[in-house]
Amino acid sequence: MEDEELFIAKLMELERYLAAGDDYSMLRAAALLRQLLLDSAPLSHRVNRNAKLKLRFTICGRRYREVVLVDGPVFYSALGGIHKSRPMPHQAEDVALDQLLTTPVLKLGSSCSVFVT
């Protein structure tokens, strides 16, 4: 199977898991995203090698997070606020992959943060 065919198949599979929305489907979707974006040779990069398209990802609430995290809270959670179907669609912005992967979604205590990855 060629990389392009595999990429399309994985996107279709990802779409099915996201539509299902149950816990197991979300775990499978996360695994597919890791394969597409984070593997040692990510499939998205392999299929984009010739086209060299600028990959962008829509996230929400970054400005709000920045304001909240400046105060050094003991706890912070995005609670789904990263997606534009949630509380902050007016703060939607397109970011590069590195910005997506460094977006904090959870903070516990003074030294533990969890990022999108």
N, C-alpha and C. Protein backbone atom coordinates (compact mmCIF):
# COMPACT_ATOMS: atom_id res chain seq x y z
N MET A 1 0.85 -1.18 0.00
CA MET A 1 0.00 0.00 0.00
C MET A 1 0.89 1.24 0.00
N GLU A 2 0.59 2.16 -0.88
CA GLU A 2 1.35 3.41 -0.96
C GLU A 2 1.02 4.31 0.22
N ASP A 3 1.95 5.21 0.56
CA ASP A 3 1.76 6.12 1.68
C ASP A 3 0.47 6.94 1.55
N GLU A 4 0.17 7.41 0.34
CA GLU A 4 -1.03 8.23 0.14
C GLU A 4 -2.30 7.44 0.43
N GLU A 5 -2.35 6.18 -0.02
CA GLU A 5 -3.51 5.33 0.25
C GLU A 5 -3.65 5.06 1.74
N LEU A 6 -2.54 4.78 2.39
CA LEU A 6 -2.54 4.52 3.83
C LEU A 6 -2.99 5.77 4.59
N PHE A 7 -2.53 6.93 4.16
CA PHE A 7 -2.90 8.19 4.79
C PHE A 7 -4.42 8.41 4.71
N ILE A 8 -4.99 8.23 3.54
CA ILE A 8 -6.44 8.39 3.35
C ILE A 8 -7.21 7.38 4.20
N ALA A 9 -6.75 6.14 4.22
CA ALA A 9 -7.42 5.10 5.02
C ALA A 9 -7.40 5.47 6.50
N LYS A 10 -6.26 5.97 6.98
CA LYS A 10 -6.15 6.36 8.40
C LYS A 10 -7.04 7.56 8.71
N LEU A 11 -7.14 8.51 7.79
CA LEU A 11 -8.03 9.66 8.00
C LEU A 11 -9.49 9.22 8.07
N MET A 12 -9.87 8.28 7.22
CA MET A 12 -11.24 7.77 7.25
C MET A 12 -11.51 7.03 8.55
N GLU A 13 -10.53 6.24 9.00
CA GLU A 13 -10.66 5.53 10.27
C GLU A 13 -10.76 6.51 11.43
N LEU A 14 -9.93 7.56 11.40
CA LEU A 14 -9.96 8.60 12.43
C LEU A 14 -11.34 9.26 12.48
N GLU A 15 -11.89 9.55 11.32
CA GLU A 15 -13.22 10.17 11.25
C GLU A 15 -14.28 9.27 11.90
N ARG A 16 -14.20 7.97 11.66
CA ARG A 16 -15.16 7.03 12.27
C ARG A 16 -15.03 7.02 13.79
N TYR A 17 -13.80 6.98 14.28
CA TYR A 17 -13.59 6.98 15.74
C TYR A 17 -14.08 8.26 16.38
N LEU A 18 -13.82 9.39 15.74
CA LEU A 18 -14.26 10.67 16.29
C LEU A 18 -15.78 10.76 16.30
N ALA A 19 -16.43 10.23 15.27
CA ALA A 19 -17.89 10.25 15.21
C ALA A 19 -18.49 9.37 16.30
N ALA A 20 -17.85 8.25 16.62
CA ALA A 20 -18.36 7.35 17.66
C ALA A 20 -18.30 8.03 19.03
N GLY A 21 -17.18 8.67 19.33
CA GLY A 21 -17.07 9.48 20.53
C GLY A 21 -16.95 8.76 21.86
N ASP A 22 -16.99 7.44 21.89
CA ASP A 22 -16.85 6.73 23.17
C ASP A 22 -15.39 6.69 23.60
N ASP A 23 -15.14 6.27 24.84
CA ASP A 23 -13.78 6.28 25.38
C ASP A 23 -12.81 5.44 24.54
N TYR A 24 -13.22 4.24 24.16
CA TYR A 24 -12.34 3.39 23.36
C TYR A 24 -12.01 4.05 22.03
N SER A 25 -13.02 4.62 21.39
CA SER A 25 -12.80 5.28 20.10
C SER A 25 -11.84 6.46 20.24
N MET A 26 -11.93 7.18 21.34
CA MET A 26 -11.02 8.31 21.56
C MET A 26 -9.58 7.82 21.75
N LEU A 27 -9.41 6.69 22.42
CA LEU A 27 -8.06 6.11 22.57
C LEU A 27 -7.50 5.69 21.21
N ARG A 28 -8.34 5.08 20.39
CA ARG A 28 -7.90 4.67 19.06
C ARG A 28 -7.58 5.90 18.20
N ALA A 29 -8.41 6.95 18.32
CA ALA A 29 -8.16 8.18 17.57
C ALA A 29 -6.82 8.78 17.98
N ALA A 30 -6.53 8.78 19.27
CA ALA A 30 -5.25 9.31 19.76
C ALA A 30 -4.08 8.52 19.17
N ALA A 31 -4.23 7.21 19.09
CA ALA A 31 -3.16 6.38 18.52
C ALA A 31 -2.96 6.71 17.04
N LEU A 32 -4.04 6.91 16.31
CA LEU A 32 -3.93 7.27 14.90
C LEU A 32 -3.25 8.64 14.73
N LEU A 33 -3.61 9.59 15.58
CA LEU A 33 -2.98 10.91 15.51
C LEU A 33 -1.49 10.82 15.77
N ARG A 34 -1.10 9.98 16.71
CA ARG A 34 0.34 9.78 16.97
C ARG A 34 1.02 9.23 15.72
N GLN A 35 0.40 8.25 15.05
CA GLN A 35 0.98 7.70 13.83
C GLN A 35 1.08 8.74 12.73
N LEU A 36 0.05 9.55 12.61
CA LEU A 36 0.01 10.55 11.55
C LEU A 36 0.97 11.71 11.79
N LEU A 37 1.17 12.08 13.07
CA LEU A 37 1.89 13.31 13.37
C LEU A 37 3.20 13.15 14.14
N LEU A 38 3.38 12.04 14.88
CA LEU A 38 4.49 11.98 15.82
C LEU A 38 5.46 10.82 15.66
N ASP A 39 5.13 9.83 14.88
CA ASP A 39 6.07 8.70 14.71
C ASP A 39 7.44 9.20 14.26
N SER A 40 8.41 8.33 14.30
CA SER A 40 9.76 8.73 13.88
C SER A 40 9.77 9.24 12.42
N ALA A 41 8.90 8.69 11.58
CA ALA A 41 8.71 9.20 10.22
C ALA A 41 7.20 9.35 10.02
N PRO A 42 6.62 10.45 10.54
CA PRO A 42 5.16 10.61 10.51
C PRO A 42 4.58 10.50 9.10
N LEU A 43 3.49 9.80 9.00
CA LEU A 43 2.84 9.57 7.72
C LEU A 43 2.44 10.90 7.06
N SER A 44 1.98 11.87 7.85
CA SER A 44 1.59 13.15 7.26
C SER A 44 2.78 13.84 6.60
N HIS A 45 3.96 13.70 7.18
CA HIS A 45 5.16 14.31 6.58
C HIS A 45 5.59 13.56 5.32
N ARG A 46 5.43 12.23 5.35
CA ARG A 46 5.82 11.44 4.17
C ARG A 46 4.95 11.78 2.96
N VAL A 47 3.64 11.91 3.18
CA VAL A 47 2.77 12.20 2.03
C VAL A 47 2.86 13.67 1.61
N ASN A 48 3.37 14.51 2.48
CA ASN A 48 3.50 15.94 2.17
C ASN A 48 4.90 16.28 1.63
N ARG A 49 5.74 15.28 1.48
CA ARG A 49 7.12 15.51 1.05
C ARG A 49 7.21 16.26 -0.28
N ASN A 50 6.37 15.92 -1.23
CA ASN A 50 6.41 16.57 -2.55
C ASN A 50 5.61 17.87 -2.58
N ALA A 51 4.42 17.87 -2.02
CA ALA A 51 3.56 19.06 -2.08
C ALA A 51 4.06 20.19 -1.18
N LYS A 52 4.68 19.82 -0.07
CA LYS A 52 5.21 20.79 0.89
C LYS A 52 4.16 21.80 1.34
N LEU A 53 2.96 21.28 1.64
CA LEU A 53 1.89 22.13 2.14
C LEU A 53 2.19 22.52 3.58
N LYS A 54 1.78 23.71 3.95
CA LYS A 54 1.96 24.18 5.31
C LYS A 54 0.83 23.60 6.17
N LEU A 55 1.16 22.65 7.06
CA LEU A 55 0.14 22.03 7.89
C LEU A 55 -0.26 22.98 9.01
N ARG A 56 -1.57 23.18 9.17
CA ARG A 56 -2.11 24.07 10.20
C ARG A 56 -3.21 23.33 10.95
N PHE A 57 -3.37 23.66 12.24
CA PHE A 57 -4.35 23.01 13.10
C PHE A 57 -5.12 24.08 13.85
N THR A 58 -6.44 23.94 13.89
CA THR A 58 -7.27 24.93 14.57
C THR A 58 -7.41 24.56 16.04
N ILE A 59 -7.06 25.51 16.91
CA ILE A 59 -7.24 25.34 18.35
C ILE A 59 -7.94 26.59 18.89
N CYS A 60 -8.49 26.48 20.07
CA CYS A 60 -9.19 27.61 20.69
C CYS A 60 -8.67 27.83 22.10
N GLY A 61 -8.84 29.04 22.57
CA GLY A 61 -8.58 29.34 23.98
C GLY A 61 -7.15 29.60 24.35
N ARG A 62 -6.25 29.77 23.40
CA ARG A 62 -4.84 29.97 23.75
C ARG A 62 -4.62 31.27 24.53
N ARG A 63 -5.27 32.34 24.10
CA ARG A 63 -5.11 33.61 24.82
C ARG A 63 -5.64 33.50 26.24
N TYR A 64 -6.79 32.83 26.41
CA TYR A 64 -7.35 32.63 27.75
C TYR A 64 -6.38 31.84 28.62
N ARG A 65 -5.83 30.74 28.08
CA ARG A 65 -4.87 29.91 28.82
C ARG A 65 -3.68 30.74 29.26
N GLU A 66 -3.16 31.55 28.35
CA GLU A 66 -1.98 32.37 28.69
C GLU A 66 -2.27 33.29 29.86
N VAL A 67 -3.44 33.92 29.87
CA VAL A 67 -3.82 34.83 30.96
C VAL A 67 -3.95 34.06 32.27
N VAL A 68 -4.61 32.91 32.23
CA VAL A 68 -4.82 32.11 33.44
C VAL A 68 -3.50 31.55 33.97
N LEU A 69 -2.67 31.02 33.09
CA LEU A 69 -1.43 30.37 33.54
C LEU A 69 -0.39 31.36 34.06
N VAL A 70 -0.49 32.62 33.67
CA VAL A 70 0.43 33.64 34.20
C VAL A 70 0.29 33.75 35.72
N ASP A 71 -0.92 33.53 36.22
CA ASP A 71 -1.17 33.62 37.66
C ASP A 71 -0.64 32.42 38.44
N GLY A 72 -0.11 31.41 37.75
CA GLY A 72 0.45 30.24 38.41
C GLY A 72 -0.54 29.42 39.20
N PRO A 73 -1.69 29.07 38.61
CA PRO A 73 -2.68 28.29 39.37
C PRO A 73 -2.16 26.90 39.71
N VAL A 74 -2.68 26.32 40.76
CA VAL A 74 -2.32 24.96 41.14
C VAL A 74 -2.97 23.98 40.18
N PHE A 75 -4.15 24.34 39.67
CA PHE A 75 -4.89 23.47 38.77
C PHE A 75 -5.41 24.27 37.59
N TYR A 76 -5.30 23.71 36.39
CA TYR A 76 -5.91 24.28 35.19
C TYR A 76 -6.29 23.13 34.27
N SER A 77 -7.48 23.21 33.67
CA SER A 77 -7.90 22.21 32.70
C SER A 77 -8.64 22.89 31.56
N ALA A 78 -8.30 22.54 30.34
CA ALA A 78 -8.98 23.11 29.17
C ALA A 78 -10.40 22.56 29.04
N LEU A 79 -10.67 21.38 29.60
CA LEU A 79 -12.00 20.75 29.56
C LEU A 79 -12.67 20.82 28.19
N GLY A 80 -11.95 20.45 27.18
CA GLY A 80 -12.50 20.45 25.83
C GLY A 80 -12.48 21.82 25.17
N GLY A 81 -11.96 22.82 25.86
CA GLY A 81 -11.94 24.17 25.32
C GLY A 81 -10.99 24.36 24.16
N ILE A 82 -10.23 23.34 23.82
CA ILE A 82 -9.28 23.46 22.72
C ILE A 82 -9.98 23.32 21.36
N HIS A 83 -11.19 22.78 21.35
CA HIS A 83 -11.92 22.55 20.10
C HIS A 83 -12.97 23.63 19.89
N LYS A 84 -13.21 24.05 18.64
CA LYS A 84 -14.12 25.17 18.39
C LYS A 84 -15.59 24.84 18.59
N SER A 85 -15.93 23.59 18.89
CA SER A 85 -17.31 23.26 19.23
C SER A 85 -17.57 23.49 20.71
N ARG A 86 -16.55 23.88 21.45
CA ARG A 86 -16.65 24.07 22.89
C ARG A 86 -16.76 25.54 23.27
N PRO A 87 -16.45 25.91 24.51
CA PRO A 87 -16.77 27.24 25.02
C PRO A 87 -16.11 28.45 24.36
N MET A 88 -15.02 28.29 23.63
CA MET A 88 -14.31 29.46 23.12
C MET A 88 -14.13 29.47 21.60
N PRO A 89 -15.20 29.25 20.83
CA PRO A 89 -15.02 29.25 19.38
C PRO A 89 -14.56 30.60 18.84
N HIS A 90 -14.86 31.66 19.56
CA HIS A 90 -14.45 33.00 19.12
C HIS A 90 -12.94 33.19 19.21
N GLN A 91 -12.25 32.28 19.90
CA GLN A 91 -10.79 32.36 20.02
C GLN A 91 -10.10 31.35 19.11
N ALA A 92 -10.78 30.88 18.08
CA ALA A 92 -10.17 29.90 17.17
C ALA A 92 -9.01 30.53 16.42
N GLU A 93 -7.94 29.79 16.32
CA GLU A 93 -6.77 30.25 15.55
C GLU A 93 -6.07 29.04 14.96
N ASP A 94 -5.45 29.24 13.82
CA ASP A 94 -4.68 28.18 13.17
C ASP A 94 -3.24 28.27 13.62
N VAL A 95 -2.70 27.11 14.04
CA VAL A 95 -1.33 27.06 14.53
C VAL A 95 -0.57 25.95 13.81
N ALA A 96 0.74 26.04 13.87
CA ALA A 96 1.61 25.00 13.31
C ALA A 96 1.63 23.79 14.24
N LEU A 97 2.15 22.68 13.74
CA LEU A 97 2.20 21.44 14.52
C LEU A 97 2.93 21.63 15.85
N ASP A 98 4.07 22.32 15.84
CA ASP A 98 4.82 22.48 17.09
C ASP A 98 4.01 23.28 18.12
N GLN A 99 3.22 24.26 17.67
CA GLN A 99 2.38 25.02 18.60
C GLN A 99 1.24 24.14 19.13
N LEU A 100 0.67 23.30 18.27
CA LEU A 100 -0.37 22.38 18.71
C LEU A 100 0.16 21.46 19.81
N LEU A 101 1.34 20.90 19.57
CA LEU A 101 1.89 19.92 20.49
C LEU A 101 2.38 20.52 21.80
N THR A 102 2.58 21.81 21.85
CA THR A 102 3.01 22.45 23.10
C THR A 102 1.87 23.20 23.78
N THR A 103 0.65 22.97 23.34
CA THR A 103 -0.51 23.61 23.97
C THR A 103 -0.88 22.87 25.24
N PRO A 104 -0.75 23.52 26.40
CA PRO A 104 -1.13 22.85 27.65
C PRO A 104 -2.64 22.65 27.74
N VAL A 105 -3.06 21.46 28.13
CA VAL A 105 -4.47 21.19 28.33
C VAL A 105 -4.80 20.87 29.79
N LEU A 106 -3.77 20.62 30.60
CA LEU A 106 -3.98 20.29 32.01
C LEU A 106 -2.76 20.68 32.81
N LYS A 107 -2.98 21.27 33.98
CA LYS A 107 -1.88 21.59 34.89
C LYS A 107 -2.31 21.16 36.28
N LEU A 108 -1.47 20.38 36.93
CA LEU A 108 -1.70 19.91 38.29
C LEU A 108 -0.50 20.27 39.14
N GLY A 109 -0.69 21.03 40.19
CA GLY A 109 0.41 21.41 41.06
C GLY A 109 1.35 22.37 40.39
N SER A 110 2.54 22.50 40.96
CA SER A 110 3.46 23.49 40.45
C SER A 110 4.41 22.94 39.38
N SER A 111 4.49 21.62 39.24
CA SER A 111 5.49 21.10 38.30
C SER A 111 4.96 20.10 37.30
N CYS A 112 3.65 19.87 37.27
CA CYS A 112 3.11 18.86 36.36
C CYS A 112 2.16 19.49 35.36
N SER A 113 2.52 19.44 34.08
CA SER A 113 1.64 19.92 33.01
C SER A 113 1.47 18.81 32.00
N VAL A 114 0.32 18.75 31.36
CA VAL A 114 0.03 17.78 30.33
C VAL A 114 -0.27 18.57 29.06
N PHE A 115 0.31 18.14 27.95
CA PHE A 115 0.15 18.83 26.70
C PHE A 115 -0.72 18.01 25.76
N VAL A 116 -1.06 18.57 24.62
CA VAL A 116 -1.95 17.92 23.66
C VAL A 116 -1.48 16.54 23.31
N THR A 117 -0.18 16.30 23.19
CA THR A 117 0.32 15.00 22.77
C THR A 117 -0.10 13.95 23.75
